[in-house]
């Protein structure tokens, strides 16, 4: 049985573009090492925050969609990923959600719409 997840995280705005890419790659590699497969990745870029976090008014928004086979992966992959987020000082905030079948359909439609606009 596959479990699908979506994680959005915000990186500090003081990073250069190469540092942002390096940070995202770190989390992608962590997921791959723990028997997860990344379905989709999006960089939403530098956006203004709704409220200041650590005296910062903007941040780099990143989206990762991935799935895990429950039989082969560790039971706590999301909590392990969130622990990695907490340990990294470049991450301001993060949110991980389990996608149900309706959210999965919506995510797929969204991906197709993005591809068609490019």
C-alpha atoms as a PDB file:
ATOM      1  CA  UNK A   1       0.000   0.000   0.000  1.00  0.00           C
ATOM      2  CA  UNK A   2       1.331   3.399  -0.980  1.00  0.00           C
ATOM      3  CA  UNK A   3       0.987   6.450   1.222  1.00  0.00           C
ATOM      4  CA  UNK A   4       1.207   9.828  -0.504  1.00  0.00           C
ATOM      5  CA  UNK A   5       2.442  12.954   1.260  1.00  0.00           C
ATOM      6  CA  UNK A   6       2.916  16.607   0.471  1.00  0.00           C
ATOM      7  CA  UNK A   7       5.344  18.831   2.344  1.00  0.00           C
ATOM      8  CA  UNK A   8       5.690  22.585   2.060  1.00  0.00           C
ATOM      9  CA  UNK A   9       8.614  24.230   3.760  1.00  0.00           C
ATOM     10  CA  UNK A  10       9.875  27.799   3.965  1.00  0.00           C
ATOM     11  CA  UNK A  11      13.585  28.583   3.834  1.00  0.00           C
ATOM     12  CA  UNK A  12      15.214  31.718   5.200  1.00  0.00           C
ATOM     13  CA  UNK A  13      15.476  34.576   2.671  1.00  0.00           C
ATOM     14  CA  UNK A  14      19.194  35.223   3.314  1.00  0.00           C
ATOM     15  CA  UNK A  15      20.179  32.157   1.251  1.00  0.00           C
ATOM     16  CA  UNK A  16      21.531  32.407  -2.280  1.00  0.00           C
ATOM     17  CA  UNK A  17      19.834  30.423  -5.048  1.00  0.00           C
ATOM     18  CA  UNK A  18      22.563  27.765  -4.952  1.00  0.00           C
ATOM     19  CA  UNK A  19      22.145  27.396  -1.176  1.00  0.00           C
ATOM     20  CA  UNK A  20      18.383  26.973  -1.618  1.00  0.00           C
ATOM     21  CA  UNK A  21      18.955  24.264  -4.243  1.00  0.00           C
ATOM     22  CA  UNK A  22      21.512  22.548  -1.987  1.00  0.00           C
ATOM     23  CA  UNK A  23      19.079  22.552   0.938  1.00  0.00           C
ATOM     24  CA  UNK A  24      16.241  21.121  -1.163  1.00  0.00           C
ATOM     25  CA  UNK A  25      18.568  18.443  -2.547  1.00  0.00           C
ATOM     26  CA  UNK A  26      19.508  17.499   1.025  1.00  0.00           C
ATOM     27  CA  UNK A  27      15.859  16.787   1.872  1.00  0.00           C
ATOM     28  CA  UNK A  28      15.228  15.002  -1.425  1.00  0.00           C
ATOM     29  CA  UNK A  29      18.261  12.776  -0.798  1.00  0.00           C
ATOM     30  CA  UNK A  30      17.004  12.048   2.716  1.00  0.00           C
ATOM     31  CA  UNK A  31      13.680  10.860   1.301  1.00  0.00           C
ATOM     32  CA  UNK A  32      15.349   8.715  -1.371  1.00  0.00           C
ATOM     33  CA  UNK A  33      17.633   7.105   1.225  1.00  0.00           C
ATOM     34  CA  UNK A  34      14.573   6.152   3.264  1.00  0.00           C
ATOM     35  CA  UNK A  35      12.741   4.251   0.497  1.00  0.00           C
ATOM     36  CA  UNK A  36      10.556   7.148  -0.626  1.00  0.00           C
ATOM     37  CA  UNK A  37       9.965   8.246  -4.188  1.00  0.00           C
ATOM     38  CA  UNK A  38       9.535  11.900  -5.064  1.00  0.00           C
ATOM     39  CA  UNK A  39       6.539  12.454  -7.330  1.00  0.00           C
ATOM     40  CA  UNK A  40       6.843  16.201  -7.806  1.00  0.00           C
ATOM     41  CA  UNK A  41       8.910  19.168  -6.697  1.00  0.00           C
ATOM     42  CA  UNK A  42       8.090  22.858  -7.101  1.00  0.00           C
ATOM     43  CA  UNK A  43       9.931  25.964  -6.086  1.00  0.00           C
ATOM     44  CA  UNK A  44       7.477  28.781  -5.515  1.00  0.00           C
ATOM     45  CA  UNK A  45      10.290  31.279  -5.032  1.00  0.00           C
ATOM     46  CA  UNK A  46      10.718  34.151  -2.618  1.00  0.00           C
ATOM     47  CA  UNK A  47       7.378  35.248  -1.188  1.00  0.00           C
ATOM     48  CA  UNK A  48       6.243  37.583   1.546  1.00  0.00           C
ATOM     49  CA  UNK A  49       5.248  35.866   4.797  1.00  0.00           C
ATOM     50  CA  UNK A  50       1.865  36.463   6.402  1.00  0.00           C
ATOM     51  CA  UNK A  51       3.651  37.441   9.615  1.00  0.00           C
ATOM     52  CA  UNK A  52       7.310  37.848  10.582  1.00  0.00           C
ATOM     53  CA  UNK A  53       9.195  34.710  11.601  1.00  0.00           C
ATOM     54  CA  UNK A  54      12.518  35.259  13.384  1.00  0.00           C
ATOM     55  CA  UNK A  55      12.370  38.913  12.256  1.00  0.00           C
ATOM     56  CA  UNK A  56      12.187  37.837   8.612  1.00  0.00           C
ATOM     57  CA  UNK A  57       9.370  39.080   6.399  1.00  0.00           C
ATOM     58  CA  UNK A  58       9.894  36.779   3.392  1.00  0.00           C
ATOM     59  CA  UNK A  59      11.060  33.262   2.616  1.00  0.00           C
ATOM     60  CA  UNK A  60      11.650  30.720  -0.139  1.00  0.00           C
ATOM     61  CA  UNK A  61       8.635  28.428  -0.450  1.00  0.00           C
ATOM     62  CA  UNK A  62       9.311  24.856  -1.600  1.00  0.00           C
ATOM     63  CA  UNK A  63       6.882  21.974  -2.239  1.00  0.00           C
ATOM     64  CA  UNK A  64       7.715  18.253  -2.234  1.00  0.00           C
ATOM     65  CA  UNK A  65       5.198  15.525  -3.085  1.00  0.00           C
ATOM     66  CA  UNK A  66       6.345  11.985  -2.398  1.00  0.00           C
ATOM     67  CA  UNK A  67       5.040   8.508  -1.735  1.00  0.00           C
ATOM     68  CA  UNK A  68       6.145   5.692   0.519  1.00  0.00           C
ATOM     69  CA  UNK A  69       5.505   1.980   0.282  1.00  0.00           C
ATOM     70  CA  UNK A  70       4.408   1.053   3.799  1.00  0.00           C
ATOM     71  CA  UNK A  71       5.883  -2.435   3.558  1.00  0.00           C
ATOM     72  CA  UNK A  72       9.458  -1.394   2.734  1.00  0.00           C
ATOM     73  CA  UNK A  73       9.830   2.019   4.385  1.00  0.00           C
ATOM     74  CA  UNK A  74      10.188   2.924   8.013  1.00  0.00           C
ATOM     75  CA  UNK A  75       6.922   3.663   9.773  1.00  0.00           C
ATOM     76  CA  UNK A  76       8.001   7.159  10.804  1.00  0.00           C
ATOM     77  CA  UNK A  77       9.293   8.635   7.547  1.00  0.00           C
ATOM     78  CA  UNK A  78       7.329  11.872   7.944  1.00  0.00           C
ATOM     79  CA  UNK A  79       8.377  12.356  11.559  1.00  0.00           C
ATOM     80  CA  UNK A  80      11.995  11.620  10.557  1.00  0.00           C
ATOM     81  CA  UNK A  81      11.756  14.197   7.765  1.00  0.00           C
ATOM     82  CA  UNK A  82      10.260  16.742  10.140  1.00  0.00           C
ATOM     83  CA  UNK A  83      13.104  16.080  12.573  1.00  0.00           C
ATOM     84  CA  UNK A  84      15.518  16.940   9.745  1.00  0.00           C
ATOM     85  CA  UNK A  85      13.589  20.186   9.185  1.00  0.00           C
ATOM     86  CA  UNK A  86      13.795  21.058  12.884  1.00  0.00           C
ATOM     87  CA  UNK A  87      17.553  20.437  12.952  1.00  0.00           C
ATOM     88  CA  UNK A  88      18.234  22.653   9.933  1.00  0.00           C
ATOM     89  CA  UNK A  89      18.519  26.327  10.839  1.00  0.00           C
ATOM     90  CA  UNK A  90      17.730  27.348   7.249  1.00  0.00           C
ATOM     91  CA  UNK A  91      14.119  26.116   7.590  1.00  0.00           C
ATOM     92  CA  UNK A  92      11.692  28.649   9.059  1.00  0.00           C
ATOM     93  CA  UNK A  93       8.481  26.598   8.893  1.00  0.00           C
ATOM     94  CA  UNK A  94       7.202  23.328   7.424  1.00  0.00           C
ATOM     95  CA  UNK A  95       3.977  21.406   7.058  1.00  0.00           C
ATOM     96  CA  UNK A  96       3.494  17.801   5.950  1.00  0.00           C
ATOM     97  CA  UNK A  97       0.111  16.307   5.090  1.00  0.00           C
ATOM     98  CA  UNK A  98      -1.089  12.875   4.055  1.00  0.00           C
ATOM     99  CA  UNK A  99      -2.909  13.082   0.712  1.00  0.00           C
ATOM    100  CA  UNK A 100      -6.227  11.265   0.405  1.00  0.00           C
ATOM    101  CA  UNK A 101      -7.562  10.143  -2.981  1.00  0.00           C
ATOM    102  CA  UNK A 102      -9.247  13.495  -3.685  1.00  0.00           C
ATOM    103  CA  UNK A 103      -6.159  15.514  -2.833  1.00  0.00           C
ATOM    104  CA  UNK A 104      -4.113  13.138  -4.956  1.00  0.00           C
ATOM    105  CA  UNK A 105      -6.425  13.699  -7.937  1.00  0.00           C
ATOM    106  CA  UNK A 106      -6.222  17.462  -7.445  1.00  0.00           C
ATOM    107  CA  UNK A 107      -2.413  17.342  -7.208  1.00  0.00           C
ATOM    108  CA  UNK A 108      -2.233  15.376 -10.455  1.00  0.00           C
ATOM    109  CA  UNK A 109      -4.534  17.840 -12.254  1.00  0.00           C
ATOM    110  CA  UNK A 110      -2.441  20.710 -10.931  1.00  0.00           C
ATOM    111  CA  UNK A 111       0.760  19.091 -12.210  1.00  0.00           C
ATOM    112  CA  UNK A 112      -0.768  18.586 -15.639  1.00  0.00           C
ATOM    113  CA  UNK A 113      -1.912  22.209 -15.733  1.00  0.00           C
ATOM    114  CA  UNK A 114       1.594  23.392 -14.853  1.00  0.00           C
ATOM    115  CA  UNK A 115       3.091  21.217 -17.596  1.00  0.00           C
ATOM    116  CA  UNK A 116       0.648  22.535 -20.179  1.00  0.00           C
ATOM    117  CA  UNK A 117       1.445  26.161 -19.275  1.00  0.00           C
ATOM    118  CA  UNK A 118       5.169  25.678 -19.814  1.00  0.00           C
END
